[in-house]
Amino acid sequence: MTRIRALIDEMRPTFRRDGGDIELVRVEGAKVIVHLSGACAGCMLAGQTLYGVQKRITDVLGRPFRVIPDIRH
């Protein structure tokens, strides 16, 4: 979880520049649950954003993860 949090924190400036943000909520096995806020929460490209985060985490850690938005957060 520490490495996943660090990867998400590395990407946060990009999201903030676009008027949004992403925050790690929890990790449940291979599921990474995140909270999107600001422009990222309502963006039509939110799915692509989540896929980009998922790809980065999977590529760096060398095993598959699924990034899922937390709609209850």
C-alpha atoms as a PDB file:
ATOM      1  CA  MET A   1       0.000   0.000   0.000  1.00  0.00           C
ATOM      2  CA  THR A   2       2.884   2.356   0.717  1.00  0.00           C
ATOM      3  CA  ARG A   3       4.251   2.013  -2.818  1.00  0.00           C
ATOM      4  CA  ILE A   4       0.786   2.494  -4.344  1.00  0.00           C
ATOM      5  CA  ARG A   5       0.250   5.621  -2.251  1.00  0.00           C
ATOM      6  CA  ALA A   6       3.623   6.976  -3.424  1.00  0.00           C
ATOM      7  CA  LEU A   7       2.743   6.324  -7.083  1.00  0.00           C
ATOM      8  CA  ILE A   8      -0.592   8.105  -6.752  1.00  0.00           C
ATOM      9  CA  ASP A   9       1.089  11.019  -4.950  1.00  0.00           C
ATOM     10  CA  GLU A  10       3.554  11.298  -7.860  1.00  0.00           C
ATOM     11  CA  MET A  11       0.625  11.679 -10.275  1.00  0.00           C
ATOM     12  CA  ARG A  12      -1.400  14.151  -8.189  1.00  0.00           C
ATOM     13  CA  PRO A  13       0.243  17.342  -9.539  1.00  0.00           C
ATOM     14  CA  THR A  14      -0.997  16.451 -13.029  1.00  0.00           C
ATOM     15  CA  PHE A  15      -4.573  16.054 -11.809  1.00  0.00           C
ATOM     16  CA  ARG A  16      -4.386  19.232  -9.731  1.00  0.00           C
ATOM     17  CA  ARG A  17      -3.157  21.197 -12.737  1.00  0.00           C
ATOM     18  CA  ASP A  18      -6.355  20.164 -14.502  1.00  0.00           C
ATOM     19  CA  GLY A  19      -8.521  21.253 -11.547  1.00  0.00           C
ATOM     20  CA  GLY A  20      -9.040  17.825  -9.992  1.00  0.00           C
ATOM     21  CA  ASP A  21      -7.419  15.473  -7.553  1.00  0.00           C
ATOM     22  CA  ILE A  22      -7.059  11.795  -6.720  1.00  0.00           C
ATOM     23  CA  GLU A  23      -6.592  10.218  -3.301  1.00  0.00           C
ATOM     24  CA  LEU A  24      -5.955   6.635  -2.244  1.00  0.00           C
ATOM     25  CA  VAL A  25      -8.784   5.353  -0.039  1.00  0.00           C
ATOM     26  CA  ARG A  26      -7.741   1.723   0.493  1.00  0.00           C
ATOM     27  CA  VAL A  27      -6.273  -1.356  -1.130  1.00  0.00           C
ATOM     28  CA  GLU A  28      -8.207  -4.643  -1.042  1.00  0.00           C
ATOM     29  CA  GLY A  29      -6.033  -7.333  -2.582  1.00  0.00           C
ATOM     30  CA  ALA A  30      -5.621  -6.361  -6.236  1.00  0.00           C
ATOM     31  CA  LYS A  31      -8.263  -3.606  -5.999  1.00  0.00           C
ATOM     32  CA  VAL A  32      -7.066  -0.043  -5.498  1.00  0.00           C
ATOM     33  CA  ILE A  33      -9.934   2.180  -4.378  1.00  0.00           C
ATOM     34  CA  VAL A  34      -9.462   5.896  -5.013  1.00  0.00           C
ATOM     35  CA  HIS A  35     -11.460   9.070  -4.504  1.00  0.00           C
ATOM     36  CA  LEU A  36     -11.651  11.484  -7.429  1.00  0.00           C
ATOM     37  CA  SER A  37     -12.544  15.084  -6.689  1.00  0.00           C
ATOM     38  CA  GLY A  38     -12.884  18.404  -8.455  1.00  0.00           C
ATOM     39  CA  ALA A  39     -12.776  18.286 -12.235  1.00  0.00           C
ATOM     40  CA  CYS A  40     -11.701  14.624 -12.158  1.00  0.00           C
ATOM     41  CA  ALA A  41     -14.928  13.538 -10.435  1.00  0.00           C
ATOM     42  CA  GLY A  42     -17.247  14.801 -13.139  1.00  0.00           C
ATOM     43  CA  CYS A  43     -15.010  14.548 -16.169  1.00  0.00           C
ATOM     44  CA  MET A  44     -16.170  12.506 -19.146  1.00  0.00           C
ATOM     45  CA  LEU A  45     -12.629  11.110 -19.309  1.00  0.00           C
ATOM     46  CA  ALA A  46     -12.613   9.815 -15.710  1.00  0.00           C
ATOM     47  CA  GLY A  47     -12.480   6.244 -17.025  1.00  0.00           C
ATOM     48  CA  GLN A  48      -9.325   7.033 -18.954  1.00  0.00           C
ATOM     49  CA  THR A  49      -7.862   8.701 -15.887  1.00  0.00           C
ATOM     50  CA  LEU A  50      -8.495   5.581 -13.808  1.00  0.00           C
ATOM     51  CA  TYR A  51      -7.043   3.391 -16.563  1.00  0.00           C
ATOM     52  CA  GLY A  52      -3.884   5.530 -16.672  1.00  0.00           C
ATOM     53  CA  VAL A  53      -3.437   5.218 -12.903  1.00  0.00           C
ATOM     54  CA  GLN A  54      -4.109   1.470 -13.114  1.00  0.00           C
ATOM     55  CA  LYS A  55      -1.564   1.037 -15.908  1.00  0.00           C
ATOM     56  CA  ARG A  56       1.103   2.990 -14.022  1.00  0.00           C
ATOM     57  CA  ILE A  57       0.612   0.966 -10.823  1.00  0.00           C
ATOM     58  CA  THR A  58       0.573  -2.334 -12.741  1.00  0.00           C
ATOM     59  CA  ASP A  59       3.658  -1.426 -14.778  1.00  0.00           C
ATOM     60  CA  VAL A  60       5.715  -0.308 -11.779  1.00  0.00           C
ATOM     61  CA  LEU A  61       4.712  -3.104  -9.419  1.00  0.00           C
ATOM     62  CA  GLY A  62       4.769  -5.815 -12.091  1.00  0.00           C
ATOM     63  CA  ARG A  63       1.419  -7.388 -11.303  1.00  0.00           C
ATOM     64  CA  PRO A  64      -2.168  -6.536 -12.277  1.00  0.00           C
ATOM     65  CA  PHE A  65      -4.258  -4.137 -10.232  1.00  0.00           C
ATOM     66  CA  ARG A  66      -7.709  -2.699 -10.817  1.00  0.00           C
ATOM     67  CA  VAL A  67      -8.320   0.945  -9.896  1.00  0.00           C
ATOM     68  CA  ILE A  68     -11.901   1.632  -8.823  1.00  0.00           C
ATOM     69  CA  PRO A  69     -13.513   4.952  -7.822  1.00  0.00           C
ATOM     70  CA  ASP A  70     -14.998   5.088  -4.333  1.00  0.00           C
ATOM     71  CA  ILE A  71     -18.450   6.577  -4.816  1.00  0.00           C
ATOM     72  CA  ARG A  72     -19.270   6.490  -1.093  1.00  0.00           C
ATOM     73  CA  HIS A  73     -16.270   8.574   0.010  1.00  0.00           C
END
